[in-house]
Amino acid sequence: MIKNSLNLFLGVDPGYNMGYCFLDVDTRFVVSSGVLIAPSNVHTNIKRYTIVKSLEDIITLMLKAGHTLVGAAIESQFVQINPKTSMNLSRTVGGIEYVIYNMAKVPIYEVTPESAKKSIGVNSSDFQKYDKKERHKRIHEAVVKSIEDEFNIKIKGTDDEAFAIAIANAGMDMYEKEFNRSVLP
């Protein structure tokens, strides 16, 4: 049974298809998760604004429902081949961080993709025998399966939702370590 008011931890997999997840701090139960998709065929600034505003609206709904946001984690940025894409993603992350901190004044942790995967038992090195494309596909499949099994939910559509859950899970590990607490007694 879910309490009326929860302490929540937010995980975000940034991008124009942005995964998000709210975990209950006390149980790591997935309270809400999904993927926010920016409109296509519009200017990059509008895509960024739409994604950030949509996340702000979801956080607002959670806070108005009486829940408390106690922390957040965002996947760390990596340098891509395309500098323009990297800059656009960095700007989106900046907007996301601003919204989270402005609304809740909580710590925001940076989670590497590998830390997120390891927090749910997926190790990229287990897939080294495959070529790059196949390795990428198998890692993503393993992340989705691990999330579905561990959190007892069904991931629909893109894997961005699964990665957001993994990011929230890894961020919770960091939060617990910093505040010397654990989810289960």
Protein backbone atom coordinates (compact mmCIF):
# COMPACT_ATOMS: atom_id res chain seq x y z
CA MET A 1 0.00 0.00 0.00
CA ILE A 2 1.33 3.43 -0.95
CA LYS A 3 1.35 6.20 1.67
CA ASN A 4 -0.44 9.42 0.81
CA SER A 5 2.76 11.47 0.91
CA LEU A 6 6.05 10.09 -0.40
CA ASN A 7 9.64 11.18 -0.42
CA LEU A 8 10.65 10.88 -4.06
CA PHE A 9 13.92 10.62 -5.94
CA LEU A 10 13.95 11.67 -9.61
CA GLY A 11 16.03 10.02 -12.33
CA VAL A 12 16.44 11.64 -15.76
CA ASP A 13 17.88 10.26 -19.00
CA PRO A 14 18.19 13.54 -20.92
CA GLY A 15 17.56 14.04 -24.61
CA TYR A 16 14.76 14.89 -26.99
CA ASN A 17 13.28 11.54 -25.97
CA MET A 18 13.76 12.06 -22.25
CA GLY A 19 13.20 9.23 -19.81
CA TYR A 20 12.14 10.12 -16.29
CA CYS A 21 11.43 8.14 -13.14
CA PHE A 22 10.27 8.93 -9.62
CA LEU A 23 11.32 6.33 -7.04
CA ASP A 24 9.89 6.16 -3.52
CA VAL A 25 12.92 6.79 -1.29
CA ASP A 26 11.74 4.32 1.36
CA THR A 27 11.04 1.35 -0.95
CA ARG A 28 12.53 2.15 -4.38
CA PHE A 29 9.07 1.47 -5.78
CA VAL A 30 8.60 3.14 -9.18
CA VAL A 31 5.90 5.73 -8.45
CA SER A 32 5.88 7.18 -11.96
CA SER A 33 8.03 6.80 -15.06
CA GLY A 34 7.85 7.41 -18.76
CA VAL A 35 9.33 9.16 -21.76
CA LEU A 36 8.81 12.77 -22.73
CA ILE A 37 9.13 13.24 -26.49
CA ALA A 38 9.94 16.58 -28.06
CA PRO A 39 7.98 17.54 -31.15
CA SER A 40 9.76 16.88 -34.41
CA ASN A 41 10.23 19.41 -37.20
CA VAL A 42 10.51 22.38 -34.84
CA HIS A 43 13.47 24.55 -33.91
CA THR A 44 15.93 23.04 -31.43
CA ASN A 45 15.11 25.73 -28.86
CA ILE A 46 11.44 24.73 -28.96
CA LYS A 47 12.36 21.07 -28.51
CA ARG A 48 14.49 21.97 -25.47
CA TYR A 49 11.81 24.19 -23.99
CA THR A 50 9.10 21.56 -24.51
CA ILE A 51 11.10 18.82 -22.79
CA VAL A 52 12.12 20.99 -19.83
CA LYS A 53 8.61 22.45 -19.43
CA SER A 54 7.05 18.98 -19.57
CA LEU A 55 9.34 17.77 -16.79
CA GLU A 56 8.53 20.89 -14.78
CA ASP A 57 4.81 20.12 -15.16
CA ILE A 58 5.30 16.55 -13.94
CA ILE A 59 7.33 17.69 -10.93
CA THR A 60 4.60 20.24 -10.18
CA LEU A 61 1.96 17.48 -10.23
CA MET A 62 4.02 15.37 -7.81
CA LEU A 63 4.55 18.29 -5.43
CA LYS A 64 0.88 19.34 -5.59
CA ALA A 65 -0.06 15.74 -4.73
CA GLY A 66 1.79 16.27 -1.45
CA HIS A 67 4.96 14.37 -2.30
CA THR A 68 8.45 15.71 -1.52
CA LEU A 69 11.35 15.59 -3.93
CA VAL A 70 14.50 14.84 -1.91
CA GLY A 71 17.05 14.35 -4.68
CA ALA A 72 17.62 13.83 -8.37
CA ALA A 73 20.09 12.16 -10.70
CA ILE A 74 20.84 12.99 -14.31
CA GLU A 75 22.93 10.91 -16.67
CA SER A 76 26.32 12.55 -17.12
CA GLN A 77 27.20 13.99 -20.48
CA PHE A 78 29.63 12.33 -22.82
CA VAL A 79 31.43 13.92 -25.72
CA GLN A 80 29.92 12.81 -28.97
CA ILE A 81 31.34 13.03 -32.46
CA ASN A 82 28.91 15.82 -33.31
CA PRO A 83 29.74 18.95 -31.23
CA LYS A 84 26.39 20.59 -32.09
CA THR A 85 24.48 17.63 -30.63
CA SER A 86 26.65 17.70 -27.50
CA MET A 87 26.01 21.42 -27.01
CA ASN A 88 22.25 21.02 -27.47
CA LEU A 89 22.15 18.16 -24.97
CA SER A 90 24.21 20.20 -22.48
CA ARG A 91 21.78 23.10 -22.79
CA THR A 92 18.85 20.76 -22.18
CA VAL A 93 20.56 19.33 -19.09
CA GLY A 94 21.19 22.86 -17.81
CA GLY A 95 17.49 23.64 -18.13
CA ILE A 96 16.55 20.40 -16.38
CA GLU A 97 18.96 21.09 -13.51
CA TYR A 98 17.63 24.64 -13.16
CA VAL A 99 14.01 23.44 -12.97
CA ILE A 100 14.77 20.72 -10.42
CA TYR A 101 16.82 22.97 -8.17
CA ASN A 102 14.49 25.95 -8.53
CA MET A 103 11.45 23.88 -7.60
CA ALA A 104 12.84 21.64 -4.87
CA LYS A 105 16.32 22.87 -3.77
CA VAL A 106 17.62 19.28 -3.67
CA PRO A 107 20.97 17.69 -4.45
CA ILE A 108 21.37 16.70 -8.09
CA TYR A 109 23.76 13.81 -8.72
CA GLU A 110 25.56 13.09 -11.96
CA VAL A 111 25.41 9.40 -12.86
CA THR A 112 27.60 7.85 -15.54
CA PRO A 113 25.89 5.48 -17.96
CA GLU A 114 28.09 2.63 -16.68
CA SER A 115 27.18 3.32 -13.02
CA ALA A 116 23.49 3.31 -13.93
CA LYS A 117 23.85 -0.05 -15.69
CA LYS A 118 25.90 -1.58 -12.87
CA SER A 119 23.30 -0.49 -10.29
CA ILE A 120 20.86 -2.90 -11.93
CA GLY A 121 23.37 -5.69 -12.55
CA VAL A 122 24.29 -4.98 -16.17
CA ASN A 123 27.99 -4.81 -16.98
CA SER A 124 28.94 -3.51 -20.43
CA SER A 125 32.15 -5.55 -20.42
CA ASP A 126 30.03 -8.71 -20.58
CA PHE A 127 29.15 -7.74 -24.17
CA GLN A 128 32.65 -7.05 -25.54
CA LYS A 129 32.60 -10.05 -27.87
CA TYR A 130 29.99 -8.37 -30.09
CA ASP A 131 30.57 -5.71 -32.73
CA LYS A 132 29.64 -2.16 -31.73
CA LYS A 133 26.10 -2.18 -33.15
CA GLU A 134 25.21 -5.61 -31.72
CA ARG A 135 26.84 -4.76 -28.36
CA HIS A 136 24.77 -1.57 -28.11
CA LYS A 137 21.56 -3.47 -28.93
CA ARG A 138 22.28 -6.27 -26.42
CA ILE A 139 23.21 -3.86 -23.63
CA HIS A 140 19.98 -1.94 -24.12
CA GLU A 141 17.97 -5.18 -24.13
CA ALA A 142 19.74 -6.28 -20.93
CA VAL A 143 18.94 -2.96 -19.23
CA VAL A 144 15.25 -3.21 -20.13
CA LYS A 145 15.04 -6.84 -18.96
CA SER A 146 16.84 -6.09 -15.71
CA ILE A 147 14.54 -3.13 -14.97
CA GLU A 148 11.42 -5.15 -15.80
CA ASP A 149 12.56 -8.00 -13.54
CA GLU A 150 13.92 -5.93 -10.64
CA PHE A 151 11.16 -3.29 -10.52
CA ASN A 152 8.29 -5.51 -11.69
CA ILE A 153 7.17 -3.13 -14.45
CA LYS A 154 6.77 -3.35 -18.21
CA ILE A 155 8.79 -0.94 -20.34
CA LYS A 156 6.81 0.18 -23.39
CA GLY A 157 8.36 1.85 -26.40
CA THR A 158 11.87 3.25 -26.16
CA ASP A 159 14.44 2.18 -23.58
CA ASP A 160 14.82 5.78 -22.31
CA GLU A 161 12.37 4.98 -19.50
CA ALA A 162 14.43 1.95 -18.42
CA PHE A 163 17.62 4.02 -18.40
CA ALA A 164 15.90 6.74 -16.32
CA ILE A 165 14.95 4.08 -13.75
CA ALA A 166 18.54 2.80 -13.70
CA ILE A 167 19.80 6.39 -13.31
CA ALA A 168 17.37 6.99 -10.41
CA ASN A 169 18.50 3.71 -8.82
CA ALA A 170 22.20 4.63 -9.09
CA GLY A 171 21.43 8.15 -7.87
CA MET A 172 19.63 6.69 -4.85
CA ASP A 173 22.81 4.74 -4.05
CA MET A 174 24.74 8.03 -4.06
CA TYR A 175 22.05 9.76 -1.98
CA GLU A 176 22.06 6.99 0.62
CA LYS A 177 25.84 7.01 0.84
CA GLU A 178 25.94 10.80 1.27
CA PHE A 179 23.24 10.83 3.93
CA ASN A 180 24.31 7.52 5.53
CA ARG A 181 20.95 5.87 5.19
CA SER A 182 19.63 2.81 3.46
CA VAL A 183 16.26 1.95 1.99
CA LEU A 184 15.73 -1.25 3.91
CA PRO A 185 16.56 -1.75 7.62
